[in-house]
C-alpha atoms as a PDB file:
ATOM      1  CA  MET A   1     -30.453 -29.175  22.413  1.00  0.00           C
ATOM      2  CA  LEU A   2     -29.592 -29.199  18.777  1.00  0.00           C
ATOM      3  CA  VAL A   3     -31.577 -25.904  18.144  1.00  0.00           C
ATOM      4  CA  ILE A   4     -29.380 -24.268  20.899  1.00  0.00           C
ATOM      5  CA  ILE A   5     -26.329 -25.524  19.442  1.00  0.00           C
ATOM      6  CA  GLY A   6     -27.330 -24.367  16.005  1.00  0.00           C
ATOM      7  CA  LEU A   7     -28.123 -20.955  17.228  1.00  0.00           C
ATOM      8  CA  ALA A   8     -24.956 -20.636  19.104  1.00  0.00           C
ATOM      9  CA  LEU A   9     -22.916 -21.765  16.187  1.00  0.00           C
ATOM     10  CA  GLY A  10     -24.831 -19.298  13.794  1.00  0.00           C
ATOM     11  CA  GLY A  11     -24.028 -16.552  16.347  1.00  0.00           C
ATOM     12  CA  VAL A  12     -20.188 -17.510  16.263  1.00  0.00           C
ATOM     13  CA  LEU A  13     -20.190 -17.357  12.541  1.00  0.00           C
ATOM     14  CA  ARG A  14     -22.090 -13.964  12.386  1.00  0.00           C
ATOM     15  CA  GLY A  15     -19.653 -12.651  14.771  1.00  0.00           C
ATOM     16  CA  GLN A  16     -16.732 -13.889  12.648  1.00  0.00           C
ATOM     17  CA  GLU A  17     -18.276 -12.317   9.518  1.00  0.00           C
ATOM     18  CA  LEU A  18     -18.573  -8.980  11.334  1.00  0.00           C
ATOM     19  CA  ILE A  19     -15.010  -9.117  12.345  1.00  0.00           C
ATOM     20  CA  ASN A  20     -13.794  -9.894   8.814  1.00  0.00           C
ATOM     21  CA  ALA A  21     -15.970  -7.096   7.382  1.00  0.00           C
ATOM     22  CA  ALA A  22     -14.278  -4.589  10.064  1.00  0.00           C
ATOM     23  CA  LYS A  23     -10.902  -5.658   8.913  1.00  0.00           C
ATOM     24  CA  VAL A  24     -11.675  -5.113   5.228  1.00  0.00           C
ATOM     25  CA  ARG A  25     -13.252  -1.585   6.153  1.00  0.00           C
ATOM     26  CA  ASN A  26     -10.099  -0.800   8.064  1.00  0.00           C
ATOM     27  CA  ILE A  27      -7.785  -1.534   5.086  1.00  0.00           C
ATOM     28  CA  ALA A  28     -10.161   0.386   2.877  1.00  0.00           C
ATOM     29  CA  SER A  29      -9.984   3.232   5.073  1.00  0.00           C
ATOM     30  CA  GLN A  30      -6.179   3.175   5.308  1.00  0.00           C
ATOM     31  CA  LEU A  31      -5.919   3.228   1.453  1.00  0.00           C
ATOM     32  CA  ASP A  32      -8.429   6.145   1.225  1.00  0.00           C
ATOM     33  CA  GLY A  33      -6.378   7.931   3.847  1.00  0.00           C
ATOM     34  CA  VAL A  34      -3.108   7.740   2.130  1.00  0.00           C
ATOM     35  CA  LYS A  35      -4.772   8.889  -1.066  1.00  0.00           C
ATOM     36  CA  LEU A  36      -6.342  11.946   0.725  1.00  0.00           C
ATOM     37  CA  ALA A  37      -2.844  12.678   2.302  1.00  0.00           C
ATOM     38  CA  TYR A  38      -0.859  12.680  -0.841  1.00  0.00           C
ATOM     39  CA  LEU A  39      -3.386  14.610  -2.653  1.00  0.00           C
ATOM     40  CA  GLY A  40      -3.482  17.339  -0.059  1.00  0.00           C
ATOM     41  CA  PHE A  41       0.327  17.379   0.004  1.00  0.00           C
ATOM     42  CA  ASN A  42       0.486  17.791  -3.608  1.00  0.00           C
ATOM     43  CA  ASP A  43      -2.118  20.600  -3.644  1.00  0.00           C
ATOM     44  CA  ARG A  44      -0.319  22.345  -0.833  1.00  0.00           C
ATOM     45  CA  TYR A  45       3.350  22.191  -1.995  1.00  0.00           C
ATOM     46  CA  ARG A  46       3.003  21.234  -5.798  1.00  0.00           C
ATOM     47  CA  SER A  47       5.214  18.366  -5.214  1.00  0.00           C
ATOM     48  CA  MET A  48       4.580  14.625  -4.398  1.00  0.00           C
ATOM     49  CA  PRO A  49       5.610  13.347  -0.881  1.00  0.00           C
ATOM     50  CA  GLY A  50       8.963  11.689  -0.862  1.00  0.00           C
ATOM     51  CA  ASP A  51       9.935  13.430  -4.132  1.00  0.00           C
ATOM     52  CA  MET A  52      10.378  16.863  -2.530  1.00  0.00           C
ATOM     53  CA  PRO A  53      14.152  17.697  -2.259  1.00  0.00           C
ATOM     54  CA  ALA A  54      15.495  18.136   1.336  1.00  0.00           C
ATOM     55  CA  ASP A  55      16.221  21.817   1.083  1.00  0.00           C
ATOM     56  CA  ILE A  56      12.707  22.556   0.029  1.00  0.00           C
ATOM     57  CA  ALA A  57      11.053  20.261   2.627  1.00  0.00           C
ATOM     58  CA  ASN A  58      13.266  21.491   5.546  1.00  0.00           C
ATOM     59  CA  ALA A  59      12.397  25.171   4.583  1.00  0.00           C
ATOM     60  CA  ASN A  60       8.629  24.525   4.486  1.00  0.00           C
ATOM     61  CA  MET A  61       7.960  22.016   7.282  1.00  0.00           C
ATOM     62  CA  PRO A  62       8.797  21.932  10.973  1.00  0.00           C
ATOM     63  CA  GLY A  63      11.078  19.319  12.361  1.00  0.00           C
ATOM     64  CA  ASN A  64      13.420  18.923   9.198  1.00  0.00           C
ATOM     65  CA  PRO A  65      11.788  16.002   7.601  1.00  0.00           C
ATOM     66  CA  GLY A  66      14.501  15.632   4.808  1.00  0.00           C
ATOM     67  CA  GLY A  67      14.085  14.921   1.118  1.00  0.00           C
ATOM     68  CA  CYS A  68      14.888  12.699  -1.704  1.00  0.00           C
ATOM     69  CA  GLY A  69      18.258  14.544  -2.143  1.00  0.00           C
ATOM     70  CA  PRO A  70      19.968  17.960  -1.229  1.00  0.00           C
ATOM     71  CA  THR A  71      18.512  19.614  -4.193  1.00  0.00           C
ATOM     72  CA  ARG A  72      16.191  19.005  -7.101  1.00  0.00           C
ATOM     73  CA  GLY A  73      17.789  16.844  -9.702  1.00  0.00           C
ATOM     74  CA  THR A  74      20.519  15.231  -7.384  1.00  0.00           C
ATOM     75  CA  PRO A  75      20.210  12.378  -7.656  1.00  0.00           C
ATOM     76  CA  ALA A  76      18.585  12.419 -10.980  1.00  0.00           C
ATOM     77  CA  PHE A  77      15.101  11.043  -9.814  1.00  0.00           C
ATOM     78  CA  CYS A  78      14.655  13.590  -7.046  1.00  0.00           C
ATOM     79  CA  GLY A  79      11.826  16.139  -7.924  1.00  0.00           C
ATOM     80  CA  ASN A  80      10.911  14.378 -11.052  1.00  0.00           C
ATOM     81  CA  GLY A  81       7.212  14.350 -10.284  1.00  0.00           C
ATOM     82  CA  ASP A  82       7.042  10.568  -9.356  1.00  0.00           C
ATOM     83  CA  VAL A  83       7.328   8.660  -6.060  1.00  0.00           C
ATOM     84  CA  ASP A  84      10.221   6.616  -7.145  1.00  0.00           C
ATOM     85  CA  PRO A  85      11.049   3.172  -5.136  1.00  0.00           C
ATOM     86  CA  ALA A  86      14.060   4.963  -3.598  1.00  0.00           C
ATOM     87  CA  GLU A  87      11.881   7.427  -2.097  1.00  0.00           C
ATOM     88  CA  ASN A  88       9.376   5.120  -0.358  1.00  0.00           C
ATOM     89  CA  LEU A  89      10.401   6.039   3.183  1.00  0.00           C
ATOM     90  CA  VAL A  90      10.927   9.753   2.609  1.00  0.00           C
ATOM     91  CA  VAL A  91       7.074   9.650   1.806  1.00  0.00           C
ATOM     92  CA  TRP A  92       5.901   9.118   5.454  1.00  0.00           C
ATOM     93  CA  ALA A  93       8.345  11.586   6.862  1.00  0.00           C
ATOM     94  CA  GLN A  94       7.177  14.294   4.776  1.00  0.00           C
ATOM     95  CA  LEU A  95       3.509  13.501   5.141  1.00  0.00           C
ATOM     96  CA  ALA A  96       3.850  13.308   8.878  1.00  0.00           C
ATOM     97  CA  HIS A  97       5.875  16.783   9.211  1.00  0.00           C
ATOM     98  CA  ALA A  98       3.246  18.305   7.023  1.00  0.00           C
ATOM     99  CA  ASN A  99       0.454  17.017   9.352  1.00  0.00           C
ATOM    100  CA  PHE A 100      -1.355  14.933   6.773  1.00  0.00           C
ATOM    101  CA  ILE A 101      -0.837  11.708   8.634  1.00  0.00           C
ATOM    102  CA  LEU A 102      -0.248  10.918  12.237  1.00  0.00           C
ATOM    103  CA  GLY A 103       3.007   9.531  13.440  1.00  0.00           C
ATOM    104  CA  ALA A 104       6.724  10.095  13.829  1.00  0.00           C
ATOM    105  CA  TYR A 105       8.648   8.730  10.757  1.00  0.00           C
ATOM    106  CA  ASN A 106      12.229   9.249   9.949  1.00  0.00           C
ATOM    107  CA  GLY A 107      12.671   8.344   6.286  1.00  0.00           C
ATOM    108  CA  ALA A 108      15.793   7.945   4.386  1.00  0.00           C
ATOM    109  CA  VAL A 109      16.278   7.980   0.670  1.00  0.00           C
ATOM    110  CA  GLY A 110      17.510   4.976  -1.156  1.00  0.00           C
ATOM    111  CA  ALA A 111      20.793   5.052  -3.256  1.00  0.00           C
ATOM    112  CA  VAL A 112      19.018   3.254  -6.344  1.00  0.00           C
ATOM    113  CA  GLN A 113      16.077   4.588  -8.031  1.00  0.00           C
ATOM    114  CA  SER A 114      14.525   1.206  -8.720  1.00  0.00           C
ATOM    115  CA  ALA A 115      15.023  -0.196  -5.221  1.00  0.00           C
ATOM    116  CA  THR A 116      12.567   0.277  -2.304  1.00  0.00           C
ATOM    117  CA  VAL A 117      14.238   0.494   1.114  1.00  0.00           C
ATOM    118  CA  ALA A 118      13.308  -1.923   3.713  1.00  0.00           C
ATOM    119  CA  PRO A 119      10.390  -0.631   6.072  1.00  0.00           C
ATOM    120  CA  SER A 120      10.079  -0.681   9.815  1.00  0.00           C
ATOM    121  CA  LEU A 121       7.786   0.759  12.402  1.00  0.00           C
ATOM    122  CA  THR A 122       9.969   3.871  12.603  1.00  0.00           C
ATOM    123  CA  THR A 123       9.749   4.578   8.834  1.00  0.00           C
ATOM    124  CA  ASN A 124       6.263   3.328   7.689  1.00  0.00           C
ATOM    125  CA  PRO A 125       2.633   3.152   9.058  1.00  0.00           C
ATOM    126  CA  ALA A 126       1.419  -0.381   9.382  1.00  0.00           C
ATOM    127  CA  ASN A 127      -1.879  -2.037   8.432  1.00  0.00           C
ATOM    128  CA  SER A 128      -3.859  -3.870  11.378  1.00  0.00           C
ATOM    129  CA  PHE A 129      -2.058  -7.284  10.468  1.00  0.00           C
ATOM    130  CA  GLY A 130       1.389  -5.720  10.891  1.00  0.00           C
ATOM    131  CA  GLY A 131       2.357  -5.356   7.177  1.00  0.00           C
ATOM    132  CA  TYR A 132       3.834  -2.037   5.946  1.00  0.00           C
ATOM    133  CA  LEU A 133       1.763   0.546   3.586  1.00  0.00           C
ATOM    134  CA  LEU A 134       3.560   1.852   0.616  1.00  0.00           C
ATOM    135  CA  LEU A 135       2.972   4.751  -1.623  1.00  0.00           C
ATOM    136  CA  VAL A 136       5.090   4.414  -4.925  1.00  0.00           C
ATOM    137  CA  SER A 137       5.481   4.588  -8.588  1.00  0.00           C
ATOM    138  CA  ASP A 138       6.219   1.075  -9.744  1.00  0.00           C
ATOM    139  CA  ALA A 139       4.759  -1.926 -11.705  1.00  0.00           C
ATOM    140  CA  ASP A 140       4.524  -4.397  -8.754  1.00  0.00           C
ATOM    141  CA  TYR A 141       0.858  -5.289  -9.194  1.00  0.00           C
ATOM    142  CA  GLY A 142      -0.967  -8.096 -10.839  1.00  0.00           C
ATOM    143  CA  ASP A 143      -1.966  -7.547 -14.431  1.00  0.00           C
ATOM    144  CA  ALA A 144      -4.091 -10.068 -16.500  1.00  0.00           C
ATOM    145  CA  THR A 145      -3.030  -8.655 -19.849  1.00  0.00           C
ATOM    146  CA  THR A 146       0.782  -8.275 -19.653  1.00  0.00           C
ATOM    147  CA  THR A 147       3.857  -9.510 -17.698  1.00  0.00           C
ATOM    148  CA  THR A 148       5.299  -6.052 -18.069  1.00  0.00           C
ATOM    149  CA  PRO A 149       2.718  -3.564 -16.645  1.00  0.00           C
ATOM    150  CA  ARG A 150       3.437   0.125 -16.875  1.00  0.00           C
ATOM    151  CA  VAL A 151       4.769   1.898 -13.981  1.00  0.00           C
ATOM    152  CA  VAL A 152       2.062   3.702 -12.208  1.00  0.00           C
ATOM    153  CA  LEU A 153       1.355   5.455  -8.828  1.00  0.00           C
ATOM    154  CA  ASN A 154      -0.265   3.038  -6.409  1.00  0.00           C
ATOM    155  CA  VAL A 155      -0.798   2.443  -2.666  1.00  0.00           C
ATOM    156  CA  LYS A 156      -0.090  -0.955  -1.324  1.00  0.00           C
ATOM    157  CA  SER A 157      -1.980  -2.354   1.613  1.00  0.00           C
ATOM    158  CA  GLY A 158       1.163  -3.916   3.076  1.00  0.00           C
ATOM    159  CA  GLY A 159       1.566  -7.789   3.577  1.00  0.00           C
ATOM    160  CA  MET A 160       0.596 -10.073   6.264  1.00  0.00           C
ATOM    161  CA  VAL A 161      -3.158  -9.891   5.158  1.00  0.00           C
ATOM    162  CA  PRO A 162      -5.256 -13.128   4.821  1.00  0.00           C
ATOM    163  CA  ALA A 163      -5.978 -13.909   1.056  1.00  0.00           C
ATOM    164  CA  ALA A 164      -9.613 -14.071   1.718  1.00  0.00           C
ATOM    165  CA  THR A 165      -9.500 -10.530   3.129  1.00  0.00           C
ATOM    166  CA  ILE A 166      -7.556  -9.101   0.041  1.00  0.00           C
ATOM    167  CA  ALA A 167     -10.188 -10.844  -2.116  1.00  0.00           C
ATOM    168  CA  GLU A 168     -12.977  -9.329  -0.275  1.00  0.00           C
ATOM    169  CA  LEU A 169     -11.394  -5.913  -0.315  1.00  0.00           C
ATOM    170  CA  ASP A 170     -11.360  -6.087  -4.137  1.00  0.00           C
ATOM    171  CA  ARG A 171     -14.954  -7.101  -4.171  1.00  0.00           C
ATOM    172  CA  LYS A 172     -16.138  -4.432  -2.022  1.00  0.00           C
ATOM    173  CA  LEU A 173     -14.096  -1.590  -3.805  1.00  0.00           C
ATOM    174  CA  ASP A 174     -13.671  -2.932  -7.434  1.00  0.00           C
ATOM    175  CA  ASP A 175     -14.286  -5.817  -9.701  1.00  0.00           C
ATOM    176  CA  GLY A 176     -13.038  -8.666  -7.524  1.00  0.00           C
ATOM    177  CA  ILE A 177     -10.519  -9.745  -9.999  1.00  0.00           C
ATOM    178  CA  ALA A 178      -6.789 -10.028  -9.056  1.00  0.00           C
ATOM    179  CA  GLY A 179      -5.456  -8.674 -12.242  1.00  0.00           C
ATOM    180  CA  THR A 180      -7.749  -5.926 -13.515  1.00  0.00           C
ATOM    181  CA  GLY A 181      -9.396  -2.756 -12.263  1.00  0.00           C
ATOM    182  CA  ALA A 182      -8.190  -0.390  -9.341  1.00  0.00           C
ATOM    183  CA  ILE A 183      -7.531  -2.995  -6.773  1.00  0.00           C
ATOM    184  CA  ARG A 184      -4.932  -5.688  -7.771  1.00  0.00           C
ATOM    185  CA  ILE A 185      -2.905  -8.368  -6.051  1.00  0.00           C
ATOM    186  CA  ALA A 186       0.516  -7.057  -5.145  1.00  0.00           C
ATOM    187  CA  PRO A 187       3.016 -10.024  -5.809  1.00  0.00           C
ATOM    188  CA  VAL A 188       6.284  -8.816  -4.193  1.00  0.00           C
ATOM    189  CA  TRP A 189       6.127  -5.850  -1.786  1.00  0.00           C
ATOM    190  CA  ASP A 190       6.623  -6.616   2.142  1.00  0.00           C
ATOM    191  CA  ASN A 191       7.278 -10.298   1.573  1.00  0.00           C
ATOM    192  CA  VAL A 192       3.975 -11.079   0.051  1.00  0.00           C
ATOM    193  CA  THR A 193       3.962 -14.694  -1.173  1.00  0.00           C
ATOM    194  CA  ALA A 194       3.358 -15.802  -4.753  1.00  0.00           C
ATOM    195  CA  THR A 195       0.796 -18.339  -3.483  1.00  0.00           C
ATOM    196  CA  CYS A 196      -1.620 -15.518  -2.727  1.00  0.00           C
ATOM    197  CA  TYR A 197      -2.965 -15.783  -6.279  1.00  0.00           C
ATOM    198  CA  THR A 198      -3.314 -18.521  -8.876  1.00  0.00           C
ATOM    199  CA  GLY A 199      -2.595 -18.502 -12.608  1.00  0.00           C
ATOM    200  CA  THR A 200      -0.047 -16.554 -14.256  1.00  0.00           C
ATOM    201  CA  LEU A 201       0.760 -12.762 -14.455  1.00  0.00           C
ATOM    202  CA  GLY A 202      -0.046 -11.559 -17.740  1.00  0.00           C
ATOM    203  CA  THR A 203      -2.966 -13.993 -18.388  1.00  0.00           C
ATOM    204  CA  GLY A 204      -6.589 -14.074 -17.790  1.00  0.00           C
ATOM    205  CA  THR A 205      -6.284 -16.783 -15.444  1.00  0.00           C
ATOM    206  CA  LEU A 206      -4.915 -14.561 -12.380  1.00  0.00           C
ATOM    207  CA  ALA A 207      -7.202 -15.023  -9.287  1.00  0.00           C
ATOM    208  CA  TYR A 208      -6.994 -14.850  -5.578  1.00  0.00           C
ATOM    209  CA  THR A 209      -6.368 -18.036  -3.559  1.00  0.00           C
ATOM    210  CA  ALA A 210      -9.126 -16.887  -1.118  1.00  0.00           C
ATOM    211  CA  GLY A 211     -10.185 -20.406  -0.141  1.00  0.00           C
ATOM    212  CA  LEU A 212      -6.741 -21.178   1.391  1.00  0.00           C
ATOM    213  CA  SER A 213      -5.354 -20.090   4.759  1.00  0.00           C
ATOM    214  CA  LEU A 214      -2.785 -17.747   3.648  1.00  0.00           C
ATOM    215  CA  ASN A 215      -1.754 -14.995   5.791  1.00  0.00           C
ATOM    216  CA  ASN A 216       0.846 -13.109   4.033  1.00  0.00           C
ATOM    217  CA  CYS A 217      -0.946 -11.380   1.034  1.00  0.00           C
ATOM    218  CA  GLY A 218      -1.374  -7.785   0.128  1.00  0.00           C
ATOM    219  CA  SER A 219      -3.036  -5.570  -2.509  1.00  0.00           C
ATOM    220  CA  ALA A 220      -2.099  -2.536  -4.709  1.00  0.00           C
ATOM    221  CA  ALA A 221      -4.563   0.221  -5.240  1.00  0.00           C
ATOM    222  CA  ILE A 222      -3.974   1.870  -8.621  1.00  0.00           C
ATOM    223  CA  GLN A 223      -4.225   5.705  -8.429  1.00  0.00           C
END
């Protein structure tokens, strides 16, 4: 009887491991998909998605996806070559209308360059946990060396992800450390909680709290 119980328990644990591994692969696949989409968009249009002005986007894509402003330079961050936070919703509308991603997203440009616009299912693709993906040039990522990291293009997995899944994603794709390498903790976006990591930003103590049952974490993939 004990042997049978042991075998059954082992099967359950093995099944859970497979499920968790599939979730990690799903997030990794989404991050790769976003990267391929924006690189393809940039190669075709010589512009970053979201940063393309409305007049150019509407003239080159069916369905009038809109853009970061009426023309390049209006507002000042429109057409500057970066995916500024205010352009975070326009990204998905332009990628979808250009057929680089599936979905029907109706993005709107924000009024303030430094402020991301709140996402919804009509504006952003979601991860398998219900968090919203983000492609943006910002400094919202964990860094073990400074509290003021430089602004870089990055893809955020979206929140609602278990801390253990984010930690495993980092181990699979990078160095497994929350504040170094290409995969980092994302401290703010999509209501991610600060308890997803231990230590202090800007110090070598930064680490994932993978041992706790936290389900509102997210990562940033530095591009």
